[in-house]
N, C-alpha and C. Protein backbone atom coordinates (compact mmCIF):
# COMPACT_ATOMS: atom_id res chain seq x y z
N MET A 1 -34.05 28.37 142.32
CA MET A 1 -33.01 27.77 143.07
C MET A 1 -33.52 27.38 144.44
N SER A 2 -33.21 26.18 144.85
CA SER A 2 -33.76 25.70 146.15
C SER A 2 -32.95 26.30 147.23
N THR A 3 -33.56 26.21 148.50
CA THR A 3 -32.91 26.75 149.72
C THR A 3 -31.66 26.05 149.97
N GLU A 4 -31.58 24.72 149.75
CA GLU A 4 -30.36 23.96 149.99
C GLU A 4 -29.21 24.43 149.09
N GLU A 5 -29.56 24.62 147.80
CA GLU A 5 -28.54 25.09 146.86
C GLU A 5 -28.00 26.46 147.27
N LEU A 6 -28.92 27.39 147.64
CA LEU A 6 -28.57 28.72 148.02
C LEU A 6 -27.68 28.69 149.23
N THR A 7 -28.03 27.83 150.18
CA THR A 7 -27.22 27.67 151.44
C THR A 7 -25.81 27.20 151.10
N LYS A 8 -25.66 26.26 150.19
CA LYS A 8 -24.34 25.78 149.78
C LYS A 8 -23.50 26.87 149.04
N ILE A 9 -24.23 27.64 148.23
CA ILE A 9 -23.52 28.73 147.49
C ILE A 9 -23.04 29.80 148.49
N ILE A 10 -23.83 30.14 149.49
CA ILE A 10 -23.43 31.11 150.50
C ILE A 10 -22.22 30.54 151.28
N ALA A 11 -22.25 29.27 151.65
CA ALA A 11 -21.12 28.69 152.39
C ALA A 11 -19.81 28.76 151.63
N VAL A 12 -19.89 28.45 150.32
CA VAL A 12 -18.69 28.47 149.46
C VAL A 12 -18.15 29.93 149.34
N LYS A 13 -19.11 30.91 149.12
CA LYS A 13 -18.65 32.25 149.00
C LYS A 13 -18.04 32.80 150.28
N GLN A 14 -18.62 32.37 151.48
CA GLN A 14 -18.06 32.79 152.75
C GLN A 14 -16.64 32.21 152.93
N MET A 15 -16.42 30.96 152.53
CA MET A 15 -15.09 30.38 152.64
C MET A 15 -14.14 31.10 151.74
N ASP A 16 -14.56 31.39 150.55
CA ASP A 16 -13.71 32.12 149.55
C ASP A 16 -13.37 33.49 150.07
N LEU A 17 -14.36 34.19 150.67
CA LEU A 17 -14.11 35.50 151.18
C LEU A 17 -13.10 35.48 152.35
N GLU A 18 -13.26 34.55 153.22
CA GLU A 18 -12.32 34.41 154.39
C GLU A 18 -10.89 34.13 153.87
N GLU A 19 -10.82 33.25 152.90
CA GLU A 19 -9.49 32.87 152.36
C GLU A 19 -8.88 34.03 151.65
N CYS A 20 -9.59 34.80 150.84
CA CYS A 20 -9.06 35.94 150.17
C CYS A 20 -8.63 37.04 151.16
N GLU A 21 -9.41 37.28 152.15
CA GLU A 21 -9.00 38.29 153.14
C GLU A 21 -7.75 37.85 153.90
N GLN A 22 -7.63 36.59 154.26
CA GLN A 22 -6.44 36.08 154.91
C GLN A 22 -5.23 36.21 154.01
N GLU A 23 -5.35 35.87 152.79
CA GLU A 23 -4.24 35.93 151.84
C GLU A 23 -3.79 37.39 151.64
N LEU A 24 -4.74 38.27 151.50
CA LEU A 24 -4.48 39.72 151.35
C LEU A 24 -3.75 40.32 152.58
N ASN A 25 -4.06 39.86 153.74
CA ASN A 25 -3.44 40.38 154.97
C ASN A 25 -2.15 39.70 155.36
N ASN A 26 -1.91 38.51 154.87
CA ASN A 26 -0.74 37.76 155.29
C ASN A 26 0.39 37.58 154.23
N ARG A 27 0.17 38.09 153.03
CA ARG A 27 1.23 37.94 152.01
C ARG A 27 1.42 39.28 151.32
N TYR A 28 2.59 39.37 150.70
CA TYR A 28 2.85 40.63 149.88
C TYR A 28 2.41 40.39 148.53
N TYR A 29 1.68 41.33 148.01
CA TYR A 29 1.26 41.32 146.61
C TYR A 29 1.50 42.71 146.03
N PRO A 30 1.83 42.80 144.73
CA PRO A 30 1.96 44.12 144.09
C PRO A 30 0.62 44.86 144.21
N SER A 31 0.71 46.18 144.14
CA SER A 31 -0.48 46.96 144.44
C SER A 31 -1.60 46.68 143.43
N VAL A 32 -1.27 46.38 142.17
CA VAL A 32 -2.30 46.04 141.21
C VAL A 32 -3.11 44.80 141.65
N VAL A 33 -2.37 43.84 142.09
CA VAL A 33 -2.98 42.61 142.56
C VAL A 33 -3.86 42.90 143.79
N ARG A 34 -3.27 43.65 144.72
CA ARG A 34 -4.03 44.01 145.94
C ARG A 34 -5.38 44.69 145.62
N ILE A 35 -5.30 45.64 144.63
CA ILE A 35 -6.57 46.34 144.27
C ILE A 35 -7.53 45.40 143.65
N ALA A 36 -7.09 44.49 142.81
CA ALA A 36 -7.96 43.45 142.20
C ALA A 36 -8.57 42.61 143.26
N MET A 37 -7.76 42.15 144.23
CA MET A 37 -8.24 41.32 145.35
C MET A 37 -9.26 42.06 146.20
N MET A 38 -9.00 43.32 146.48
CA MET A 38 -9.96 44.09 147.27
C MET A 38 -11.26 44.27 146.51
N ASN A 39 -11.20 44.45 145.18
CA ASN A 39 -12.37 44.58 144.38
C ASN A 39 -13.22 43.27 144.42
N TYR A 40 -12.45 42.12 144.35
CA TYR A 40 -13.14 40.82 144.35
C TYR A 40 -13.79 40.56 145.73
N ILE A 41 -13.10 40.99 146.78
CA ILE A 41 -13.62 40.88 148.15
C ILE A 41 -14.95 41.71 148.27
N GLY A 42 -14.86 42.90 147.72
CA GLY A 42 -16.09 43.76 147.78
C GLY A 42 -17.25 43.16 147.08
N ASN A 43 -16.93 42.58 145.92
CA ASN A 43 -17.99 41.94 145.09
C ASN A 43 -18.58 40.76 145.83
N LEU A 44 -17.67 39.93 146.46
CA LEU A 44 -18.14 38.75 147.21
C LEU A 44 -19.04 39.17 148.37
N GLN A 45 -18.66 40.27 149.06
CA GLN A 45 -19.44 40.75 150.20
C GLN A 45 -20.83 41.18 149.74
N GLU A 46 -20.93 41.87 148.61
CA GLU A 46 -22.20 42.27 148.03
C GLU A 46 -23.04 41.05 147.71
N GLN A 47 -22.43 40.11 147.08
CA GLN A 47 -23.18 38.87 146.66
C GLN A 47 -23.68 38.14 147.84
N LEU A 48 -22.83 38.06 148.91
CA LEU A 48 -23.27 37.38 150.12
C LEU A 48 -24.45 38.09 150.78
N GLU A 49 -24.45 39.41 150.76
CA GLU A 49 -25.52 40.18 151.36
C GLU A 49 -26.80 39.89 150.58
N THR A 50 -26.73 39.86 149.23
CA THR A 50 -27.85 39.61 148.38
C THR A 50 -28.42 38.22 148.56
N ASP A 51 -27.49 37.26 148.61
CA ASP A 51 -27.88 35.85 148.77
C ASP A 51 -28.50 35.61 150.13
N THR A 52 -27.91 36.22 151.18
CA THR A 52 -28.43 36.04 152.51
C THR A 52 -29.84 36.62 152.62
N LYS A 53 -30.07 37.79 152.03
CA LYS A 53 -31.40 38.41 152.04
C LYS A 53 -32.37 37.49 151.33
N ALA A 54 -31.97 36.91 150.21
CA ALA A 54 -32.87 36.04 149.43
C ALA A 54 -33.20 34.78 150.26
N LEU A 55 -32.21 34.29 151.01
CA LEU A 55 -32.47 33.12 151.80
C LEU A 55 -33.40 33.41 152.96
N GLN A 56 -33.25 34.60 153.56
CA GLN A 56 -34.14 34.99 154.69
C GLN A 56 -35.55 35.27 154.20
N ASN A 57 -35.74 35.64 153.00
CA ASN A 57 -37.07 35.96 152.50
C ASN A 57 -37.84 34.73 152.05
N ARG A 58 -37.30 33.58 152.22
CA ARG A 58 -37.99 32.34 151.77
C ARG A 58 -38.83 31.84 152.87
């Protein structure tokens, strides 16, 4: 994967993460949905860390 592609992927994941966090904090969701959203946010954060490290190592 090229550096440009990885940079674009990171940008999309960051936007998705921000949007999910904002939705979680500003709207009411049943607890099951909130747990799923928090799990997704955690997964996105881990992916971003991994992708960012990969980008820095290039």
